């Protein structure tokens, strides 16, 4: 098994996350990158809306 550490930070104190994820030995770097992207978007919350001034 390959153990990969995922991290994300917003650059503010206390605003970071990390997890160690295990992958099969034959997992490609592209598959790990996709898993990281999915994981990253699960960690953040945000959005946008139109406002009137």
C-alpha atoms as a PDB file:
ATOM      1  CA  UNK A   1       0.000   0.000   0.000  1.00  0.00           C
ATOM      2  CA  UNK A   2       1.094   3.556  -0.726  1.00  0.00           C
ATOM      3  CA  UNK A   3       0.424   6.085   2.021  1.00  0.00           C
ATOM      4  CA  UNK A   4      -0.111   9.622   0.742  1.00  0.00           C
ATOM      5  CA  UNK A   5      -0.558  12.688   2.954  1.00  0.00           C
ATOM      6  CA  UNK A   6      -3.141  15.171   1.669  1.00  0.00           C
ATOM      7  CA  UNK A   7      -2.952  18.741   2.990  1.00  0.00           C
ATOM      8  CA  UNK A   8      -4.854  21.966   2.395  1.00  0.00           C
ATOM      9  CA  UNK A   9      -4.441  25.376   3.995  1.00  0.00           C
ATOM     10  CA  UNK A  10      -6.075  28.772   3.642  1.00  0.00           C
ATOM     11  CA  UNK A  11      -3.009  30.530   5.006  1.00  0.00           C
ATOM     12  CA  UNK A  12      -4.647  31.462   8.314  1.00  0.00           C
ATOM     13  CA  UNK A  13      -3.784  30.067  11.736  1.00  0.00           C
ATOM     14  CA  UNK A  14      -5.860  26.953  12.396  1.00  0.00           C
ATOM     15  CA  UNK A  15      -7.252  26.851   8.866  1.00  0.00           C
ATOM     16  CA  UNK A  16      -5.583  23.707   7.612  1.00  0.00           C
ATOM     17  CA  UNK A  17      -6.437  20.042   7.240  1.00  0.00           C
ATOM     18  CA  UNK A  18      -4.437  16.939   6.581  1.00  0.00           C
ATOM     19  CA  UNK A  19      -5.212  13.249   6.169  1.00  0.00           C
ATOM     20  CA  UNK A  20      -3.163  10.195   5.290  1.00  0.00           C
ATOM     21  CA  UNK A  21      -4.870   8.149   2.614  1.00  0.00           C
ATOM     22  CA  UNK A  22      -3.856   4.623   1.593  1.00  0.00           C
ATOM     23  CA  UNK A  23      -3.843   3.596  -2.053  1.00  0.00           C
ATOM     24  CA  UNK A  24      -3.077   0.313  -3.758  1.00  0.00           C
ATOM     25  CA  UNK A  25       0.495   0.041  -5.037  1.00  0.00           C
ATOM     26  CA  UNK A  26      -0.661   0.194  -8.660  1.00  0.00           C
ATOM     27  CA  UNK A  27      -2.616   3.456  -8.238  1.00  0.00           C
ATOM     28  CA  UNK A  28      -1.441   6.001 -10.778  1.00  0.00           C
ATOM     29  CA  UNK A  29      -0.387   9.544  -9.937  1.00  0.00           C
ATOM     30  CA  UNK A  30      -3.345  10.784 -11.988  1.00  0.00           C
ATOM     31  CA  UNK A  31      -5.760   8.725  -9.867  1.00  0.00           C
ATOM     32  CA  UNK A  32      -4.165  10.073  -6.688  1.00  0.00           C
ATOM     33  CA  UNK A  33      -4.449  13.633  -8.037  1.00  0.00           C
ATOM     34  CA  UNK A  34      -8.158  13.091  -8.735  1.00  0.00           C
ATOM     35  CA  UNK A  35      -8.655  11.652  -5.242  1.00  0.00           C
ATOM     36  CA  UNK A  36      -6.850  14.689  -3.799  1.00  0.00           C
ATOM     37  CA  UNK A  37      -9.049  17.087  -5.772  1.00  0.00           C
ATOM     38  CA  UNK A  38     -12.192  15.302  -4.550  1.00  0.00           C
ATOM     39  CA  UNK A  39     -10.879  15.321  -0.958  1.00  0.00           C
ATOM     40  CA  UNK A  40      -9.940  19.018  -1.160  1.00  0.00           C
ATOM     41  CA  UNK A  41     -13.415  20.055  -2.296  1.00  0.00           C
ATOM     42  CA  UNK A  42     -14.955  18.051   0.562  1.00  0.00           C
ATOM     43  CA  UNK A  43     -12.872  20.085   3.057  1.00  0.00           C
ATOM     44  CA  UNK A  44     -13.858  23.585   1.922  1.00  0.00           C
ATOM     45  CA  UNK A  45     -17.192  25.346   2.003  1.00  0.00           C
ATOM     46  CA  UNK A  46     -18.043  28.417   0.020  1.00  0.00           C
ATOM     47  CA  UNK A  47     -20.007  29.801  -2.823  1.00  0.00           C
ATOM     48  CA  UNK A  48     -21.194  33.003  -4.404  1.00  0.00           C
ATOM     49  CA  UNK A  49     -24.378  34.993  -4.831  1.00  0.00           C
ATOM     50  CA  UNK A  50     -25.388  38.147  -6.603  1.00  0.00           C
ATOM     51  CA  UNK A  51     -26.059  41.167  -4.397  1.00  0.00           C
ATOM     52  CA  UNK A  52     -27.765  44.465  -5.013  1.00  0.00           C
ATOM     53  CA  UNK A  53     -26.047  47.624  -3.909  1.00  0.00           C
END
